[in-house]
Amino acid sequence: MSAAIRLKKFGSKKRPYYRIVVMDKKAARDGKTIEELGYYHPIEAEDRQISFDALKVRSWVDKGAEVSDTVRKILNKKQFSL
């Protein structure tokens, strides 16, 4: 099983929010997760929209989990380097 760090969508139409999760690469977008690492609210105020556990993210990257392009951009907004 290969893992990926990617987004899982929640919320209603035109009011989405996402959780940053670790999932099997072949699982559906809203499928079963291995672990939740944080959240991303694109609609909320700038200071509250991104939150994640840096130690867990680093741990999963060290274990070989691939980071999606979108999550990589989100992490870079918080000056987190991979």
PDB file of N, CA and C in Angstrom:
ATOM      1  N   MET A   1       0.849  -1.174   0.000  1.00  0.00           N
ATOM      2  CA  MET A   1       0.000   0.000   0.000  1.00  0.00           C
ATOM      3  C   MET A   1       0.896   1.239   0.000  1.00  0.00           C
ATOM      4  N   SER A   2       0.664   2.103  -0.939  1.00  0.00           N
ATOM      5  CA  SER A   2       1.389   3.369  -0.941  1.00  0.00           C
ATOM      6  C   SER A   2       0.447   4.468  -0.458  1.00  0.00           C
ATOM      7  N   ALA A   3       0.980   5.341   0.348  1.00  0.00           N
ATOM      8  CA  ALA A   3       0.170   6.384   0.969  1.00  0.00           C
ATOM      9  C   ALA A   3       0.407   7.723   0.291  1.00  0.00           C
ATOM     10  N   ALA A   4      -0.600   8.581   0.392  1.00  0.00           N
ATOM     11  CA  ALA A   4      -0.510   9.932  -0.142  1.00  0.00           C
ATOM     12  C   ALA A   4      -1.112  10.910   0.861  1.00  0.00           C
ATOM     13  N   ILE A   5      -0.502  12.073   0.953  1.00  0.00           N
ATOM     14  CA  ILE A   5      -1.052  13.150   1.775  1.00  0.00           C
ATOM     15  C   ILE A   5      -1.831  14.037   0.831  1.00  0.00           C
ATOM     16  N   ARG A   6      -3.129  14.116   1.037  1.00  0.00           N
ATOM     17  CA  ARG A   6      -3.992  14.877   0.133  1.00  0.00           C
ATOM     18  C   ARG A   6      -5.193  15.431   0.872  1.00  0.00           C
ATOM     19  N   LEU A   7      -6.097  16.080   0.128  1.00  0.00           N
ATOM     20  CA  LEU A   7      -7.265  16.723   0.726  1.00  0.00           C
ATOM     21  C   LEU A   7      -8.492  15.828   0.662  1.00  0.00           C
ATOM     22  N   LYS A   8      -9.324  15.927   1.684  1.00  0.00           N
ATOM     23  CA  LYS A   8     -10.610  15.247   1.737  1.00  0.00           C
ATOM     24  C   LYS A   8     -11.672  16.327   1.907  1.00  0.00           C
ATOM     25  N   LYS A   9     -12.648  16.362   1.009  1.00  0.00           N
ATOM     26  CA  LYS A   9     -13.603  17.466   0.960  1.00  0.00           C
ATOM     27  C   LYS A   9     -14.783  17.253   1.910  1.00  0.00           C
ATOM     28  N   PHE A  10     -15.149  18.361   2.589  1.00  0.00           N
ATOM     29  CA  PHE A  10     -16.328  18.415   3.447  1.00  0.00           C
ATOM     30  C   PHE A  10     -17.066  19.706   3.148  1.00  0.00           C
ATOM     31  N   GLY A  11     -18.165  19.941   3.808  1.00  0.00           N
ATOM     32  CA  GLY A  11     -18.899  21.186   3.637  1.00  0.00           C
ATOM     33  C   GLY A  11     -20.017  21.059   2.625  1.00  0.00           C
ATOM     34  N   SER A  12     -20.682  22.169   2.380  1.00  0.00           N
ATOM     35  CA  SER A  12     -21.811  22.179   1.457  1.00  0.00           C
ATOM     36  C   SER A  12     -21.410  22.841   0.141  1.00  0.00           C
ATOM     37  N   LYS A  13     -22.345  22.895  -0.745  1.00  0.00           N
ATOM     38  CA  LYS A  13     -22.113  23.503  -2.042  1.00  0.00           C
ATOM     39  C   LYS A  13     -21.735  24.975  -1.862  1.00  0.00           C
ATOM     40  N   LYS A  14     -20.677  25.396  -2.508  1.00  0.00           N
ATOM     41  CA  LYS A  14     -20.139  26.755  -2.469  1.00  0.00           C
ATOM     42  C   LYS A  14     -19.578  27.155  -1.099  1.00  0.00           C
ATOM     43  N   ARG A  15     -19.495  26.249  -0.151  1.00  0.00           N
ATOM     44  CA  ARG A  15     -18.905  26.502   1.171  1.00  0.00           C
ATOM     45  C   ARG A  15     -18.012  25.320   1.561  1.00  0.00           C
ATOM     46  N   PRO A  16     -17.012  24.982   0.740  1.00  0.00           N
ATOM     47  CA  PRO A  16     -16.205  23.794   1.047  1.00  0.00           C
ATOM     48  C   PRO A  16     -15.186  24.050   2.143  1.00  0.00           C
ATOM     49  N   TYR A  17     -14.815  22.990   2.805  1.00  0.00           N
ATOM     50  CA  TYR A  17     -13.623  22.992   3.637  1.00  0.00           C
ATOM     51  C   TYR A  17     -13.008  21.613   3.506  1.00  0.00           C
ATOM     52  N   TYR A  18     -11.748  21.525   3.781  1.00  0.00           N
ATOM     53  CA  TYR A  18     -11.000  20.303   3.509  1.00  0.00           C
ATOM     54  C   TYR A  18     -10.210  19.887   4.731  1.00  0.00           C
ATOM     55  N   ARG A  19      -9.977  18.590   4.843  1.00  0.00           N
ATOM     56  CA  ARG A  19      -9.071  18.050   5.841  1.00  0.00           C
ATOM     57  C   ARG A  19      -7.840  17.537   5.111  1.00  0.00           C
ATOM     58  N   ILE A  20      -6.692  17.784   5.681  1.00  0.00           N
ATOM     59  CA  ILE A  20      -5.451  17.249   5.145  1.00  0.00           C
ATOM     60  C   ILE A  20      -5.272  15.873   5.777  1.00  0.00           C
ATOM     61  N   VAL A  21      -5.259  14.840   4.941  1.00  0.00           N
ATOM     62  CA  VAL A  21      -5.277  13.472   5.442  1.00  0.00           C
ATOM     63  C   VAL A  21      -4.235  12.609   4.736  1.00  0.00           C
ATOM     64  N   VAL A  22      -3.955  11.469   5.350  1.00  0.00           N
ATOM     65  CA  VAL A  22      -3.135  10.432   4.730  1.00  0.00           C
ATOM     66  C   VAL A  22      -4.087   9.336   4.301  1.00  0.00           C
ATOM     67  N   MET A  23      -4.022   8.970   3.013  1.00  0.00           N
ATOM     68  CA  MET A  23      -4.903   7.947   2.456  1.00  0.00           C
ATOM     69  C   MET A  23      -4.107   7.027   1.545  1.00  0.00           C
ATOM     70  N   ASP A  24      -4.686   5.878   1.245  1.00  0.00           N
ATOM     71  CA  ASP A  24      -4.141   5.024   0.205  1.00  0.00           C
ATOM     72  C   ASP A  24      -4.257   5.778  -1.119  1.00  0.00           C
ATOM     73  N   LYS A  25      -3.246   5.693  -1.959  1.00  0.00           N
ATOM     74  CA  LYS A  25      -3.238   6.449  -3.213  1.00  0.00           C
ATOM     75  C   LYS A  25      -4.433   6.112  -4.105  1.00  0.00           C
ATOM     76  N   LYS A  26      -4.915   4.893  -4.039  1.00  0.00           N
ATOM     77  CA  LYS A  26      -5.985   4.451  -4.932  1.00  0.00           C
ATOM     78  C   LYS A  26      -7.378   4.622  -4.338  1.00  0.00           C
ATOM     79  N   ALA A  27      -7.472   5.125  -3.107  1.00  0.00           N
ATOM     80  CA  ALA A  27      -8.768   5.313  -2.454  1.00  0.00           C
ATOM     81  C   ALA A  27      -9.494   6.508  -3.058  1.00  0.00           C
ATOM     82  N   ALA A  28     -10.813   6.508  -2.949  1.00  0.00           N
ATOM     83  CA  ALA A  28     -11.628   7.618  -3.437  1.00  0.00           C
ATOM     84  C   ALA A  28     -11.339   8.871  -2.623  1.00  0.00           C
ATOM     85  N   ARG A  29     -11.635  10.045  -3.189  1.00  0.00           N
ATOM     86  CA  ARG A  29     -11.350  11.320  -2.530  1.00  0.00           C
ATOM     87  C   ARG A  29     -11.945  11.390  -1.135  1.00  0.00           C
ATOM     88  N   ASP A  30     -13.183  10.920  -0.973  1.00  0.00           N
ATOM     89  CA  ASP A  30     -13.854  10.971   0.324  1.00  0.00           C
ATOM     90  C   ASP A  30     -13.872   9.602   1.006  1.00  0.00           C
ATOM     91  N   GLY A  31     -12.923   8.761   0.658  1.00  0.00           N
ATOM     92  CA  GLY A  31     -12.857   7.416   1.209  1.00  0.00           C
ATOM     93  C   GLY A  31     -12.245   7.367   2.596  1.00  0.00           C
ATOM     94  N   LYS A  32     -11.899   6.155   3.000  1.00  0.00           N
ATOM     95  CA  LYS A  32     -11.360   5.924   4.338  1.00  0.00           C
ATOM     96  C   LYS A  32      -9.948   6.491   4.455  1.00  0.00           C
ATOM     97  N   THR A  33      -9.698   7.176   5.572  1.00  0.00           N
ATOM     98  CA  THR A  33      -8.390   7.776   5.799  1.00  0.00           C
ATOM     99  C   THR A  33      -7.565   6.939   6.760  1.00  0.00           C
ATOM    100  N   ILE A  34      -6.258   7.094   6.667  1.00  0.00           N
ATOM    101  CA  ILE A  34      -5.355   6.439   7.600  1.00  0.00           C
ATOM    102  C   ILE A  34      -5.163   7.331   8.826  1.00  0.00           C
ATOM    103  N   GLU A  35      -4.942   8.637   8.560  1.00  0.00           N
ATOM    104  CA  GLU A  35      -4.745   9.594   9.658  1.00  0.00           C
ATOM    105  C   GLU A  35      -5.073  11.000   9.169  1.00  0.00           C
ATOM    106  N   GLU A  36      -5.635  11.812  10.060  1.00  0.00           N
ATOM    107  CA  GLU A  36      -5.920  13.213   9.748  1.00  0.00           C
ATOM    108  C   GLU A  36      -4.781  14.068  10.288  1.00  0.00           C
ATOM    109  N   LEU A  37      -4.277  14.971   9.442  1.00  0.00           N
ATOM    110  CA  LEU A  37      -3.128  15.776   9.811  1.00  0.00           C
ATOM    111  C   LEU A  37      -3.471  17.236  10.067  1.00  0.00           C
ATOM    112  N   GLY A  38      -4.597  17.716   9.533  1.00  0.00           N
ATOM    113  CA  GLY A  38      -4.960  19.112   9.717  1.00  0.00           C
ATOM    114  C   GLY A  38      -6.175  19.470   8.884  1.00  0.00           C
ATOM    115  N   TYR A  39      -6.395  20.788   8.698  1.00  0.00           N
ATOM    116  CA  TYR A  39      -7.532  21.236   7.906  1.00  0.00           C
ATOM    117  C   TYR A  39      -7.185  22.471   7.104  1.00  0.00           C
ATOM    118  N   TYR A  40      -8.019  22.757   6.100  1.00  0.00           N
ATOM    119  CA  TYR A  40      -7.853  23.919   5.228  1.00  0.00           C
ATOM    120  C   TYR A  40      -9.237  24.473   4.918  1.00  0.00           C
ATOM    121  N   HIS A  41      -9.474  25.743   5.301  1.00  0.00           N
ATOM    122  CA  HIS A  41     -10.739  26.426   5.042  1.00  0.00           C
ATOM    123  C   HIS A  41     -10.475  27.551   4.037  1.00  0.00           C
ATOM    124  N   PRO A  42     -10.752  27.345   2.771  1.00  0.00           N
ATOM    125  CA  PRO A  42     -10.451  28.384   1.779  1.00  0.00           C
ATOM    126  C   PRO A  42     -11.356  29.608   1.880  1.00  0.00           C
ATOM    127  N   ILE A  43     -12.509  29.521   2.526  1.00  0.00           N
ATOM    128  CA  ILE A  43     -13.456  30.626   2.614  1.00  0.00           C
ATOM    129  C   ILE A  43     -13.216  31.487   3.852  1.00  0.00           C
ATOM    130  N   GLU A  44     -12.643  30.913   4.898  1.00  0.00           N
ATOM    131  CA  GLU A  44     -12.466  31.616   6.169  1.00  0.00           C
ATOM    132  C   GLU A  44     -11.455  32.749   6.063  1.00  0.00           C
ATOM    133  N   ALA A  45     -11.341  33.515   7.138  1.00  0.00           N
ATOM    134  CA  ALA A  45     -10.371  34.607   7.214  1.00  0.00           C
ATOM    135  C   ALA A  45      -8.952  34.054   7.061  1.00  0.00           C
ATOM    136  N   GLU A  46      -8.065  34.873   6.564  1.00  0.00           N
ATOM    137  CA  GLU A  46      -6.706  34.446   6.233  1.00  0.00           C
ATOM    138  C   GLU A  46      -5.959  33.814   7.413  1.00  0.00           C
ATOM    139  N   ASP A  47      -6.125  34.352   8.606  1.00  0.00           N
ATOM    140  CA  ASP A  47      -5.347  33.868   9.742  1.00  0.00           C
ATOM    141  C   ASP A  47      -5.828  32.538  10.313  1.00  0.00           C
ATOM    142  N   ARG A  48      -7.023  32.080   9.963  1.00  0.00           N
ATOM    143  CA  ARG A  48      -7.561  30.846  10.558  1.00  0.00           C
ATOM    144  C   ARG A  48      -7.735  29.730   9.557  1.00  0.00           C
ATOM    145  N   GLN A  49      -7.306  29.877   8.330  1.00  0.00           N
ATOM    146  CA  GLN A  49      -7.725  28.920   7.322  1.00  0.00           C
ATOM    147  C   GLN A  49      -6.866  27.659   7.211  1.00  0.00           C
ATOM    148  N   ILE A  50      -5.623  27.679   7.661  1.00  0.00           N
ATOM    149  CA  ILE A  50      -4.744  26.526   7.515  1.00  0.00           C
ATOM    150  C   ILE A  50      -4.205  26.118   8.880  1.00  0.00           C
ATOM    151  N   SER A  51      -4.351  24.844   9.202  1.00  0.00           N
ATOM    152  CA  SER A  51      -3.792  24.318  10.432  1.00  0.00           C
ATOM    153  C   SER A  51      -3.405  22.861  10.202  1.00  0.00           C
ATOM    154  N   PHE A  52      -2.202  22.480  10.632  1.00  0.00           N
ATOM    155  CA  PHE A  52      -1.770  21.096  10.490  1.00  0.00           C
ATOM    156  C   PHE A  52      -0.702  20.793  11.524  1.00  0.00           C
ATOM    157  N   ASP A  53      -0.509  19.513  11.783  1.00  0.00           N
ATOM    158  CA  ASP A  53       0.502  19.050  12.732  1.00  0.00           C
ATOM    159  C   ASP A  53       1.785  18.774  11.946  1.00  0.00           C
ATOM    160  N   ALA A  54       2.765  19.655  12.068  1.00  0.00           N
ATOM    161  CA  ALA A  54       4.002  19.569  11.290  1.00  0.00           C
ATOM    162  C   ALA A  54       4.783  18.288  11.591  1.00  0.00           C
ATOM    163  N   LEU A  55       4.766  17.840  12.834  1.00  0.00           N
ATOM    164  CA  LEU A  55       5.498  16.623  13.179  1.00  0.00           C
ATOM    165  C   LEU A  55       4.906  15.395  12.496  1.00  0.00           C
ATOM    166  N   LYS A  56       3.577  15.320  12.429  1.00  0.00           N
ATOM    167  CA  LYS A  56       2.934  14.192  11.755  1.00  0.00           C
ATOM    168  C   LYS A  56       3.185  14.235  10.254  1.00  0.00           C
ATOM    169  N   VAL A  57       3.133  15.428   9.674  1.00  0.00           N
ATOM    170  CA  VAL A  57       3.402  15.555   8.234  1.00  0.00           C
ATOM    171  C   VAL A  57       4.822  15.104   7.938  1.00  0.00           C
ATOM    172  N   ARG A  58       5.775  15.588   8.713  1.00  0.00           N
ATOM    173  CA  ARG A  58       7.179  15.210   8.518  1.00  0.00           C
ATOM    174  C   ARG A  58       7.360  13.702   8.678  1.00  0.00           C
ATOM    175  N   SER A  59       6.684  13.123   9.665  1.00  0.00           N
ATOM    176  CA  SER A  59       6.775  11.681   9.900  1.00  0.00           C
ATOM    177  C   SER A  59       6.292  10.891   8.692  1.00  0.00           C
ATOM    178  N   TRP A  60       5.153  11.291   8.125  1.00  0.00           N
ATOM    179  CA  TRP A  60       4.608  10.568   6.972  1.00  0.00           C
ATOM    180  C   TRP A  60       5.458  10.762   5.722  1.00  0.00           C
ATOM    181  N   VAL A  61       6.026  11.932   5.549  1.00  0.00           N
ATOM    182  CA  VAL A  61       6.911  12.156   4.399  1.00  0.00           C
ATOM    183  C   VAL A  61       8.165  11.297   4.541  1.00  0.00           C
ATOM    184  N   ASP A  62       8.696  11.187   5.749  1.00  0.00           N
ATOM    185  CA  ASP A  62       9.867  10.345   5.991  1.00  0.00           C
ATOM    186  C   ASP A  62       9.564   8.872   5.750  1.00  0.00           C
ATOM    187  N   LYS A  63       8.316   8.463   5.982  1.00  0.00           N
ATOM    188  CA  LYS A  63       7.918   7.076   5.740  1.00  0.00           C
ATOM    189  C   LYS A  63       7.681   6.796   4.262  1.00  0.00           C
ATOM    190  N   GLY A  64       7.672   7.851   3.430  1.00  0.00           N
ATOM    191  CA  GLY A  64       7.528   7.643   1.988  1.00  0.00           C
ATOM    192  C   GLY A  64       6.192   8.062   1.406  1.00  0.00           C
ATOM    193  N   ALA A  65       5.358   8.737   2.173  1.00  0.00           N
ATOM    194  CA  ALA A  65       4.068   9.192   1.644  1.00  0.00           C
ATOM    195  C   ALA A  65       4.292  10.316   0.637  1.00  0.00           C
ATOM    196  N   GLU A  66       3.585  10.259  -0.469  1.00  0.00           N
ATOM    197  CA  GLU A  66       3.682  11.294  -1.487  1.00  0.00           C
ATOM    198  C   GLU A  66       2.720  12.426  -1.154  1.00  0.00           C
ATOM    199  N   VAL A  67       3.169  13.650  -1.376  1.00  0.00           N
ATOM    200  CA  VAL A  67       2.358  14.825  -1.081  1.00  0.00           C
ATOM    201  C   VAL A  67       1.759  15.324  -2.390  1.00  0.00           C
ATOM    202  N   SER A  68       0.435  15.552  -2.414  1.00  0.00           N
ATOM    203  CA  SER A  68      -0.202  16.050  -3.624  1.00  0.00           C
ATOM    204  C   SER A  68       0.242  17.483  -3.891  1.00  0.00           C
ATOM    205  N   ASP A  69       0.115  17.927  -5.139  1.00  0.00           N
ATOM    206  CA  ASP A  69       0.530  19.282  -5.512  1.00  0.00           C
ATOM    207  C   ASP A  69      -0.224  20.338  -4.727  1.00  0.00           C
ATOM    208  N   THR A  70      -1.526  20.142  -4.535  1.00  0.00           N
ATOM    209  CA  THR A  70      -2.337  21.113  -3.812  1.00  0.00           C
ATOM    210  C   THR A  70      -1.919  21.211  -2.349  1.00  0.00           C
ATOM    211  N   VAL A  71      -1.698  20.087  -1.718  1.00  0.00           N
ATOM    212  CA  VAL A  71      -1.269  20.094  -0.311  1.00  0.00           C
ATOM    213  C   VAL A  71       0.121  20.715  -0.194  1.00  0.00           C
ATOM    214  N   ARG A  72       0.990  20.453  -1.156  1.00  0.00           N
ATOM    215  CA  ARG A  72       2.325  21.047  -1.142  1.00  0.00           C
ATOM    216  C   ARG A  72       2.231  22.581  -1.163  1.00  0.00           C
ATOM    217  N   LYS A  73       1.327  23.131  -1.989  1.00  0.00           N
ATOM    218  CA  LYS A  73       1.128  24.578  -2.054  1.00  0.00           C
ATOM    219  C   LYS A  73       0.585  25.116  -0.730  1.00  0.00           C
ATOM    220  N   ILE A  74      -0.342  24.395  -0.125  1.00  0.00           N
ATOM    221  CA  ILE A  74      -0.923  24.809   1.155  1.00  0.00           C
ATOM    222  C   ILE A  74       0.148  24.825   2.245  1.00  0.00           C
ATOM    223  N   LEU A  75       0.985  23.792   2.290  1.00  0.00           N
ATOM    224  CA  LEU A  75       2.044  23.729   3.296  1.00  0.00           C
ATOM    225  C   LEU A  75       3.068  24.835   3.077  1.00  0.00           C
ATOM    226  N   ASN A  76       3.353  25.154   1.825  1.00  0.00           N
ATOM    227  CA  ASN A  76       4.295  26.236   1.533  1.00  0.00           C
ATOM    228  C   ASN A  76       3.774  27.594   1.977  1.00  0.00           C
ATOM    229  N   LYS A  77       2.450  27.784   2.002  1.00  0.00           N
ATOM    230  CA  LYS A  77       1.888  29.048   2.488  1.00  0.00           C
ATOM    231  C   LYS A  77       2.262  29.292   3.953  1.00  0.00           C
ATOM    232  N   LYS A  78       2.414  28.223   4.693  1.00  0.00           N
ATOM    233  CA  LYS A  78       2.793  28.319   6.119  1.00  0.00           C
ATOM    234  C   LYS A  78       4.305  28.154   6.314  1.00  0.00           C
ATOM    235  N   GLN A  79       5.091  28.311   5.244  1.00  0.00           N
ATOM    236  CA  GLN A  79       6.532  28.195   5.271  1.00  0.00           C
ATOM    237  C   GLN A  79       7.024  26.851   5.808  1.00  0.00           C
ATOM    238  N   PHE A  80       6.307  25.792   5.462  1.00  0.00           N
ATOM    239  CA  PHE A  80       6.710  24.447   5.844  1.00  0.00           C
ATOM    240  C   PHE A  80       7.394  23.814   4.638  1.00  0.00           C
ATOM    241  N   SER A  81       8.662  23.509   4.746  1.00  0.00           N
ATOM    242  CA  SER A  81       9.395  22.938   3.605  1.00  0.00           C
ATOM    243  C   SER A  81       9.426  21.421   3.713  1.00  0.00           C
ATOM    244  N   LEU A  82       9.299  20.784   2.575  1.00  0.00           N
ATOM    245  CA  LEU A  82       9.313  19.325   2.540  1.00  0.00           C
ATOM    246  C   LEU A  82      10.670  18.787   2.171  1.00  0.00           C
TER     247      LEU A  82
END
